[in-house]
Amino acid sequence: MDFAFDARTEELRARLLAFMDEYVYPAEAVAEEQRAALASPWDTPAVVEELKAEARRQGLWNLFLPDAEHGAGLTNLQYAPLAEITGRSPQLAPTALNCAAPDTGNMEVLAQFGDERQQKQWLEPLLAGEIRSAFAMTEPEVASSDATNITTHIERDGDEYVITGRKWYISGAMNPDCKIFIVMGKTDPDGADIRRQQSMVLVPRDTPGVTVKRAMQVFGYEDHYHGGHAEVIFDHARVPVSSLIGEEGGGFAIAQARLGPGRIHHCMRLIGMAERAIELMCRRAVSRTAFGKELARQGVVHNWIADARVTVEQLRLLVLKTAWLMDTVGNKGAHTEIQSIKIATPRAVVDIIDRAIQLHGAGGVSQDFPLAELYAGARTLMIADGPDEVHQRSLARRELKKYL
């Protein structure tokens, strides 16, 4: 395994780092000011659209898609260090590059499983950054970490599907630019194979029977930049049968294919979040005095900073190994490593950000620093894309099989 950056990665890293310094970091405060003046908190600040236009002009656009027909044609190993850089400003940078979830996963689904008409109608405007999307799977009444529990009904009625169900924490759904939902439900709830009961359908936001009921809070705040996390009601919403993605009963397999790349993308960005937290921790440590000496001279602070650096270097190597395996043996061949990074990365990054918050005192939980939002995002990822415990269960069972 050789994780040295190739020439293309080095060139893109240099351009992206310059883009972050010149455009993204200065835009963070501007975006907050503009958002406060918006008529709706879910509208997009003008500076975000300016960032998108500049990123596209510079060729820093759709970097996540390995398919050269639709994206930059980068391997996972090439994309990993770029995603890490965007994680340093997770509210702005991924969106600026059109590399933000849930759109990334939805574009991957449409590129891999969508038919020509679906790609023309929905994938193309998503690739152009003209619209946003949402992925509707999680439900409040069931443990959605087990996707076979999903209860939303997708019932065929002639040449239409009728969708009935209640979803929540549907990321991006509050954004007025969100025009399409990918909805997972059961087309065959009594099917013999529990993993062949689910299907995915495309449901336009303006479909009668679709109601975006309310925004769901995360640790008491609303994630405005990513379009919030909404509760959505589907009350006998009707779509043509041509809205089916792939085949009936293929929803579970599509979900698994979607979540694999999504998990590694999250872990890449998490490392960038940790790097931002370490930077803030160090700047704070050399600028504040307590009990007669700089915080940077306190032994416990030395331990926090040293432990954070060691942890990030370890995580980065594991993520790069996972990316390399996904490129060389495929997602199934990298299953153990994908689960490993999903378990290890959010947990460790939460701890690093928590130490940075502690070092900042009251400022650490305020809106004056990005640490509180970084913490909430990292902590949420211990639940999203499958709770850590689900991955631990699967990983342990795979290890135990060697001895049974």
Protein backbone atom coordinates (compact mmCIF):
# COMPACT_ATOMS: atom_id res chain seq x y z
CA MET A 1 0.00 0.00 0.00
CA ASP A 2 1.43 3.31 -1.11
CA PHE A 3 -0.51 6.29 0.22
CA ALA A 4 1.72 8.96 -1.31
CA PHE A 5 -0.41 11.49 -3.18
CA ASP A 6 -0.15 11.21 -6.94
CA ALA A 7 0.36 14.25 -9.15
CA ARG A 8 -3.34 14.88 -9.74
CA THR A 9 -4.17 14.67 -6.04
CA GLU A 10 -1.33 17.04 -5.15
CA GLU A 11 -2.51 19.52 -7.75
CA LEU A 12 -6.15 19.38 -6.57
CA ARG A 13 -5.08 19.63 -2.92
CA ALA A 14 -3.09 22.78 -3.64
CA ARG A 15 -6.00 24.37 -5.50
CA LEU A 16 -8.51 23.35 -2.84
CA LEU A 17 -6.38 24.62 0.05
CA ALA A 18 -6.04 27.97 -1.75
CA PHE A 19 -9.80 28.03 -2.36
CA MET A 20 -10.46 27.41 1.33
CA ASP A 21 -8.10 30.19 2.42
CA GLU A 22 -9.24 32.73 -0.13
CA TYR A 23 -12.97 32.06 -0.25
CA VAL A 24 -14.41 29.57 2.23
CA TYR A 25 -13.00 30.64 5.62
CA PRO A 26 -13.73 34.35 4.99
CA ALA A 27 -17.27 33.38 3.93
CA GLU A 28 -18.12 31.70 7.25
CA ALA A 29 -18.85 34.96 9.06
CA VAL A 30 -20.47 36.49 5.97
CA ALA A 31 -22.85 33.54 5.67
CA GLU A 32 -23.95 33.96 9.28
CA GLU A 33 -24.65 37.66 8.77
CA GLN A 34 -26.60 37.02 5.57
CA ARG A 35 -28.60 34.21 7.13
CA ALA A 36 -29.74 36.46 9.97
CA ALA A 37 -31.24 38.83 7.38
CA LEU A 38 -33.05 36.17 5.31
CA ALA A 39 -36.84 36.01 5.22
CA SER A 40 -36.67 32.25 5.90
CA PRO A 41 -33.90 30.53 7.87
CA TRP A 42 -33.93 27.79 5.24
CA ASP A 43 -33.09 30.07 2.32
CA THR A 44 -29.54 29.89 1.01
CA PRO A 45 -27.26 32.85 1.78
CA ALA A 46 -26.02 34.60 -1.36
CA VAL A 47 -22.40 33.94 -0.46
CA VAL A 48 -23.01 30.18 -0.74
CA GLU A 49 -24.09 30.55 -4.35
CA GLU A 50 -21.03 32.71 -4.97
CA LEU A 51 -18.82 29.96 -3.53
CA LYS A 52 -20.48 27.38 -5.76
CA ALA A 53 -19.93 29.50 -8.84
CA GLU A 54 -16.27 30.05 -7.98
CA ALA A 55 -15.66 26.37 -7.19
CA ARG A 56 -17.19 25.37 -10.49
CA ARG A 57 -15.11 27.97 -12.33
CA GLN A 58 -11.98 26.52 -10.75
CA GLY A 59 -12.89 22.93 -11.58
CA LEU A 60 -13.43 21.99 -7.93
CA TRP A 61 -16.83 20.47 -8.62
CA ASN A 62 -18.42 17.00 -8.14
CA LEU A 63 -15.08 15.64 -6.93
CA PHE A 64 -16.77 12.76 -5.09
CA LEU A 65 -18.04 10.85 -8.14
CA PRO A 66 -15.55 8.26 -9.46
CA ASP A 67 -17.49 8.02 -12.71
CA ALA A 68 -15.71 10.39 -15.11
CA GLU A 69 -18.92 10.72 -17.13
CA HIS A 70 -20.64 12.50 -14.24
CA GLY A 71 -17.85 13.58 -11.88
CA ALA A 72 -14.14 14.18 -11.58
CA GLY A 73 -13.22 10.53 -12.10
CA LEU A 74 -11.19 10.37 -8.90
CA THR A 75 -10.56 7.15 -7.00
CA ASN A 76 -11.50 6.94 -3.34
CA LEU A 77 -7.82 7.23 -2.47
CA GLN A 78 -7.52 10.42 -4.51
CA TYR A 79 -10.70 11.92 -3.11
CA ALA A 80 -9.93 11.14 0.55
CA PRO A 81 -7.48 14.01 1.23
CA LEU A 82 -9.76 16.44 -0.62
CA ALA A 83 -12.77 15.47 1.47
CA GLU A 84 -10.64 15.91 4.58
CA ILE A 85 -9.91 19.49 3.58
CA THR A 86 -13.62 20.26 3.10
CA GLY A 87 -14.32 18.82 6.56
CA ARG A 88 -12.50 21.80 8.08
CA SER A 89 -15.54 23.91 7.17
CA PRO A 90 -18.32 21.32 6.99
CA GLN A 91 -21.15 23.84 6.78
CA LEU A 92 -19.84 25.56 3.64
CA ALA A 93 -17.09 23.69 1.82
CA PRO A 94 -18.90 20.46 0.82
CA THR A 95 -21.88 22.45 -0.47
CA ALA A 96 -19.59 24.84 -2.34
CA LEU A 97 -18.03 21.91 -4.20
CA ASN A 98 -21.38 20.14 -4.76
CA CYS A 99 -20.02 17.34 -2.55
CA ALA A 100 -22.49 17.57 0.33
CA ALA A 101 -24.67 14.81 1.74
CA PRO A 102 -27.38 13.72 1.14
CA ASP A 103 -27.03 14.85 -2.48
CA THR A 104 -23.81 12.89 -2.95
CA GLY A 105 -25.42 9.59 -2.02
CA ASN A 106 -28.52 10.35 -4.07
CA MET A 107 -26.43 11.21 -7.12
CA GLU A 108 -24.53 7.96 -6.69
CA VAL A 109 -27.81 6.04 -6.59
CA LEU A 110 -29.12 7.75 -9.71
CA ALA A 111 -25.82 7.32 -11.56
CA GLN A 112 -25.61 3.62 -10.69
CA PHE A 113 -29.24 2.50 -10.64
CA GLY A 114 -31.32 5.20 -12.33
CA ASP A 115 -32.60 4.81 -15.86
CA GLU A 116 -31.95 7.30 -18.64
CA ARG A 117 -35.13 9.29 -17.99
CA GLN A 118 -34.49 9.50 -14.23
CA GLN A 119 -30.93 10.63 -14.83
CA LYS A 120 -32.06 13.29 -17.26
CA GLN A 121 -34.80 14.63 -14.98
CA TRP A 122 -33.02 14.48 -11.62
CA LEU A 123 -29.34 13.55 -11.84
CA GLU A 124 -28.38 16.23 -14.32
CA PRO A 125 -29.78 19.19 -12.29
CA LEU A 126 -28.24 17.72 -9.13
CA LEU A 127 -24.85 17.48 -10.84
CA ALA A 128 -25.25 21.09 -11.95
CA GLY A 129 -26.07 22.20 -8.39
CA GLU A 130 -29.41 23.61 -9.56
CA ILE A 131 -31.53 21.62 -7.10
CA ARG A 132 -31.08 19.72 -3.84
CA SER A 133 -32.47 16.34 -2.75
CA ALA A 134 -33.27 14.21 0.30
CA PHE A 135 -33.12 10.53 1.20
CA ALA A 136 -36.19 9.38 3.14
CA MET A 137 -35.54 6.16 5.05
CA THR A 138 -35.52 6.74 8.84
CA GLU A 139 -38.85 6.42 10.66
CA PRO A 140 -39.79 7.44 14.23
CA GLU A 141 -41.94 4.40 15.03
CA VAL A 142 -39.32 1.71 14.37
CA ALA A 143 -35.63 1.08 14.99
CA SER A 144 -34.46 2.24 11.59
CA SER A 145 -30.91 1.05 12.22
CA ASP A 146 -32.41 -2.24 11.01
CA ALA A 147 -33.63 -1.25 7.54
CA THR A 148 -35.87 -4.32 7.38
CA ASN A 149 -38.07 -2.63 10.03
CA ILE A 150 -39.18 0.14 7.66
CA THR A 151 -42.99 0.32 7.61
CA THR A 152 -43.71 2.90 4.89
CA HIS A 153 -45.97 1.28 2.28
CA ILE A 154 -45.32 1.56 -1.44
CA GLU A 155 -48.35 -0.09 -2.99
CA ARG A 156 -48.90 -0.50 -6.71
CA ASP A 157 -52.23 0.72 -8.05
CA GLY A 158 -52.40 0.29 -11.82
CA ASP A 159 -49.69 2.43 -13.38
CA GLU A 160 -48.94 4.27 -10.12
CA TYR A 161 -47.33 3.65 -6.76
CA VAL A 162 -49.11 4.92 -3.64
CA ILE A 163 -46.75 5.89 -0.81
CA THR A 164 -47.95 6.08 2.79
CA GLY A 165 -45.68 6.54 5.79
CA ARG A 166 -43.98 8.88 8.21
CA LYS A 167 -40.27 9.69 8.02
CA TRP A 168 -38.06 11.89 10.15
CA TYR A 169 -34.56 13.33 10.28
CA ILE A 170 -34.75 13.57 6.52
CA SER A 171 -31.68 15.70 5.85
CA GLY A 172 -32.06 18.58 3.43
CA ALA A 173 -35.85 18.47 3.28
CA MET A 174 -36.35 21.95 4.75
CA ASN A 175 -34.31 23.54 1.96
CA PRO A 176 -36.65 25.16 -0.59
CA ASP A 177 -34.25 23.96 -3.32
CA CYS A 178 -34.94 20.34 -2.32
CA LYS A 179 -37.06 19.14 -5.23
CA ILE A 180 -36.88 15.34 -5.03
CA PHE A 181 -37.03 12.62 -2.38
CA ILE A 182 -35.66 9.12 -2.74
CA VAL A 183 -38.11 7.20 -0.56
CA MET A 184 -37.49 3.72 0.83
CA GLY A 185 -40.52 1.63 1.74
CA LYS A 186 -41.99 -1.82 1.39
CA THR A 187 -43.56 -2.97 -1.85
CA ASP A 188 -43.87 -6.56 -0.60
CA PRO A 189 -44.24 -6.51 3.21
CA ASP A 190 -45.16 -10.21 3.27
CA GLY A 191 -42.34 -11.35 0.98
CA ALA A 192 -40.42 -14.49 1.93
CA ASP A 193 -37.00 -12.79 1.95
CA ILE A 194 -36.89 -9.99 4.51
CA ARG A 195 -34.26 -8.15 2.41
CA ARG A 196 -36.37 -8.26 -0.75
CA GLN A 197 -39.40 -6.48 0.64
CA GLN A 198 -38.07 -2.93 0.22
CA SER A 199 -37.98 -0.70 -2.85
CA MET A 200 -36.94 2.87 -3.61
CA VAL A 201 -39.02 5.37 -5.54
CA LEU A 202 -38.49 8.94 -6.65
CA VAL A 203 -41.08 11.32 -5.18
CA PRO A 204 -41.07 14.99 -6.23
CA ARG A 205 -41.46 17.35 -3.29
CA ASP A 206 -44.56 18.98 -4.80
CA THR A 207 -46.41 15.65 -5.11
CA PRO A 208 -49.91 15.86 -3.54
CA GLY A 209 -49.88 13.99 -0.26
CA VAL A 210 -46.29 14.96 0.61
CA THR A 211 -46.05 17.25 3.64
CA VAL A 212 -42.82 18.56 5.13
CA LYS A 213 -44.26 18.82 8.63
CA ARG A 214 -41.50 20.31 10.78
CA ALA A 215 -37.77 20.76 11.23
CA MET A 216 -36.09 18.37 13.65
CA GLN A 217 -33.51 19.89 15.96
CA VAL A 218 -30.05 18.47 16.67
CA PHE A 219 -28.89 19.20 20.23
CA GLY A 220 -31.35 22.09 20.26
CA TYR A 221 -30.28 23.81 17.03
CA GLU A 222 -31.40 23.57 13.42
CA ASP A 223 -28.89 22.65 10.74
CA HIS A 224 -29.72 25.46 8.34
CA TYR A 225 -26.78 25.02 5.98
CA HIS A 226 -27.68 21.48 4.98
CA GLY A 227 -31.36 22.23 4.65
CA GLY A 228 -32.30 20.96 8.09
CA HIS A 229 -33.57 17.56 9.15
CA ALA A 230 -37.31 17.29 8.63
CA GLU A 231 -40.26 15.16 9.56
CA VAL A 232 -42.06 14.29 6.33
CA ILE A 233 -45.50 12.74 5.92
CA PHE A 234 -46.44 10.71 2.85
CA ASP A 235 -50.23 10.41 2.84
CA HIS A 236 -51.26 8.32 -0.17
CA ALA A 237 -48.83 10.22 -2.37
CA ARG A 238 -49.01 8.93 -5.94
CA VAL A 239 -46.16 8.67 -8.45
CA PRO A 240 -45.91 6.85 -11.80
CA VAL A 241 -44.46 3.33 -11.74
CA SER A 242 -41.59 4.76 -13.80
CA SER A 243 -40.46 6.42 -10.56
CA LEU A 244 -39.18 3.07 -9.26
CA ILE A 245 -35.38 2.98 -8.99
CA GLY A 246 -34.03 -0.34 -10.22
CA GLU A 247 -36.44 -3.18 -9.54
CA GLU A 248 -39.08 -3.99 -6.95
CA GLY A 249 -37.41 -5.61 -3.96
CA GLY A 250 -34.06 -4.01 -4.76
CA GLY A 251 -34.25 -1.22 -2.19
CA PHE A 252 -32.23 -2.90 0.54
CA ALA A 253 -29.36 -3.68 -1.82
CA ILE A 254 -29.41 -0.13 -3.20
CA ALA A 255 -29.31 1.26 0.35
CA GLN A 256 -26.25 -0.83 1.15
CA ALA A 257 -24.53 0.32 -2.05
CA ARG A 258 -25.38 3.94 -1.21
CA LEU A 259 -24.15 3.84 2.38
CA GLY A 260 -20.71 2.36 1.70
CA PRO A 261 -19.23 5.40 -0.05
CA GLY A 262 -21.24 7.70 2.20
CA ARG A 263 -19.64 6.29 5.33
CA ILE A 264 -16.10 6.79 4.07
CA HIS A 265 -16.93 10.31 2.88
CA HIS A 266 -18.17 11.16 6.38
CA CYS A 267 -15.02 9.74 7.95
CA MET A 268 -12.80 11.71 5.56
CA ARG A 269 -14.55 14.93 6.51
CA LEU A 270 -14.46 14.03 10.20
CA ILE A 271 -10.67 13.98 10.08
CA GLY A 272 -10.78 17.50 8.68
CA MET A 273 -13.08 18.51 11.54
CA ALA A 274 -10.58 17.07 14.00
CA GLU A 275 -7.74 19.02 12.36
CA ARG A 276 -9.75 22.24 12.67
CA ALA A 277 -10.38 21.47 16.35
CA ILE A 278 -6.66 20.84 16.97
CA GLU A 279 -5.77 24.11 15.26
CA LEU A 280 -8.27 26.02 17.38
CA MET A 281 -7.04 24.23 20.50
CA CYS A 282 -3.43 25.23 19.83
CA ARG A 283 -4.31 28.85 19.03
CA ARG A 284 -6.31 29.10 22.22
CA ALA A 285 -3.58 27.47 24.29
CA VAL A 286 -0.94 30.02 23.30
CA SER A 287 -3.26 33.01 23.71
CA ARG A 288 -4.75 32.42 27.17
CA THR A 289 -3.25 32.47 30.68
CA ALA A 290 -4.60 30.67 33.73
CA PHE A 291 -3.07 30.24 37.18
CA GLY A 292 0.01 32.21 36.30
CA LYS A 293 1.04 30.62 33.02
CA GLU A 294 -0.12 30.10 29.46
CA LEU A 295 -2.50 27.23 28.86
CA ALA A 296 0.08 25.93 26.40
CA ARG A 297 2.40 25.32 29.38
CA GLN A 298 -0.15 23.30 31.34
CA GLY A 299 0.68 19.59 31.37
CA VAL A 300 -2.86 18.39 30.78
CA VAL A 301 -3.09 20.56 27.65
CA HIS A 302 0.10 18.97 26.35
CA ASN A 303 -1.53 15.58 26.80
CA TRP A 304 -4.70 16.62 24.98
CA ILE A 305 -2.82 18.02 22.00
CA ALA A 306 -0.39 15.09 21.76
CA ASP A 307 -3.15 12.50 22.05
CA ALA A 308 -5.20 14.31 19.42
CA ARG A 309 -2.31 14.34 16.97
CA VAL A 310 -1.58 10.63 17.46
CA THR A 311 -5.27 9.76 17.07
CA VAL A 312 -5.73 11.75 13.86
CA GLU A 313 -2.65 10.17 12.27
CA GLN A 314 -3.95 6.70 13.13
CA LEU A 315 -7.43 7.43 11.81
CA ARG A 316 -6.11 8.92 8.60
CA LEU A 317 -4.07 5.79 7.84
CA LEU A 318 -7.07 3.54 8.46
CA VAL A 319 -9.30 5.69 6.25
CA LEU A 320 -6.68 5.71 3.48
CA LYS A 321 -6.33 1.93 3.72
CA THR A 322 -10.11 1.62 3.44
CA ALA A 323 -10.19 3.92 0.41
CA TRP A 324 -7.40 1.89 -1.21
CA LEU A 325 -9.26 -1.37 -0.60
CA MET A 326 -12.49 0.05 -2.02
CA ASP A 327 -10.56 0.98 -5.14
CA THR A 328 -8.75 -2.35 -5.48
CA VAL A 329 -11.13 -5.04 -4.21
CA GLY A 330 -14.46 -3.20 -4.07
CA ASN A 331 -16.81 -2.19 -1.27
CA LYS A 332 -17.56 -5.78 -0.27
CA GLY A 333 -13.87 -6.56 0.01
CA ALA A 334 -13.43 -3.50 2.22
CA HIS A 335 -16.44 -4.26 4.41
CA THR A 336 -14.44 -4.84 7.60
CA GLU A 337 -12.45 -1.65 7.14
CA ILE A 338 -15.53 0.43 6.27
CA GLN A 339 -17.16 -0.70 9.49
CA SER A 340 -13.95 -0.11 11.43
CA ILE A 341 -13.64 3.52 10.34
CA LYS A 342 -17.34 4.09 10.97
CA ILE A 343 -16.86 2.89 14.55
CA ALA A 344 -13.52 4.52 15.31
CA THR A 345 -13.63 7.89 13.56
CA PRO A 346 -16.72 9.65 14.99
CA ARG A 347 -15.96 8.39 18.48
CA ALA A 348 -12.38 9.68 18.44
CA VAL A 349 -13.24 12.98 16.75
CA VAL A 350 -15.98 13.67 19.30
CA ASP A 351 -13.34 13.28 22.02
CA ILE A 352 -10.90 15.64 20.27
CA ILE A 353 -13.57 18.31 19.73
CA ASP A 354 -14.72 17.89 23.33
CA ARG A 355 -11.19 18.65 24.56
CA ALA A 356 -11.06 21.71 22.31
CA ILE A 357 -14.37 22.90 23.74
CA GLN A 358 -13.03 22.40 27.28
CA LEU A 359 -9.97 24.47 26.46
CA HIS A 360 -12.14 27.30 25.15
CA GLY A 361 -14.32 27.37 28.25
CA ALA A 362 -17.62 29.19 27.70
CA GLY A 363 -16.46 30.22 24.24
CA GLY A 364 -16.33 26.57 23.22
CA VAL A 365 -20.10 26.17 23.47
CA SER A 366 -20.87 29.59 21.96
CA GLN A 367 -21.63 30.69 18.43
CA ASP A 368 -18.33 32.59 18.29
CA PHE A 369 -16.40 29.42 17.51
CA PRO A 370 -17.34 26.49 15.24
CA LEU A 371 -16.65 23.89 17.94
CA ALA A 372 -20.23 23.40 19.16
CA GLU A 373 -21.49 22.71 15.65
CA LEU A 374 -18.51 20.47 14.92
CA TYR A 375 -19.28 18.51 18.08
CA ALA A 376 -22.95 18.12 17.22
CA GLY A 377 -22.10 16.96 13.70
CA ALA A 378 -19.52 14.44 14.85
CA ARG A 379 -21.70 13.12 17.66
CA THR A 380 -24.65 12.69 15.30
CA LEU A 381 -22.51 10.53 13.02
CA MET A 382 -22.25 7.98 15.83
CA ILE A 383 -25.95 7.38 15.06
CA ALA A 384 -26.26 8.22 11.35
CA ASP A 385 -25.44 5.68 8.62
CA GLY A 386 -26.02 2.93 11.17
CA PRO A 387 -25.32 3.31 14.90
CA ASP A 388 -21.84 2.30 16.02
CA GLU A 389 -23.28 -0.66 17.90
CA VAL A 390 -24.74 -2.14 14.71
CA HIS A 391 -21.34 -2.06 13.05
CA GLN A 392 -19.67 -3.44 16.18
CA ARG A 393 -22.12 -6.35 16.17
CA SER A 394 -21.46 -7.16 12.54
CA LEU A 395 -17.70 -6.75 12.85
CA ALA A 396 -17.51 -8.96 15.96
CA ARG A 397 -19.56 -11.70 14.31
CA ARG A 398 -17.22 -11.69 11.34
CA GLU A 399 -14.21 -12.03 13.64
CA LEU A 400 -15.83 -14.82 15.66
CA LYS A 401 -16.58 -16.84 12.53
CA LYS A 402 -12.86 -17.53 12.25
CA TYR A 403 -13.03 -19.54 15.47
CA LEU A 404 -16.37 -21.34 15.14
